[in-house]
């Protein structure tokens, strides 16, 4: 089997995923995903599409990810893995679609406006 690749994005994170036949090893930027992402609940985010499709120990996954924080990187990787699995087998789409694993979450931080301390917050007002 050849290598299947896909891209996922979330906030300012970009993740490139490469799937190949293997034993279920997941590496992110050259490290095991459990070492790269410290929180246990974040590990579940990454393996969610694999568990849903029941292919957890079938594919080796290499991930290059940059930008953002660990949560955005994990969600970008989840999207990329889901897209790669759908490229392999179109039947996985029916499993992923209802769980919103194939939808790009477009929410990003709103930019700061001039004359304000943050995007929408105003300075304290006192009428004296």
Foldseek 3Di string as FASTA:
>chain_A
DAWFWFWFFFAFKIKIKIKDFAFQFEEEPRHGPCVVQPDPVLVCLLCVLCVLVVCRGTIYMYMYMDDDDSNRRSLRNQLGVQVRVCVVPVVSCVRCVVVCSPPHDPDYAAAPDPQAPGNPHHDDDDDD
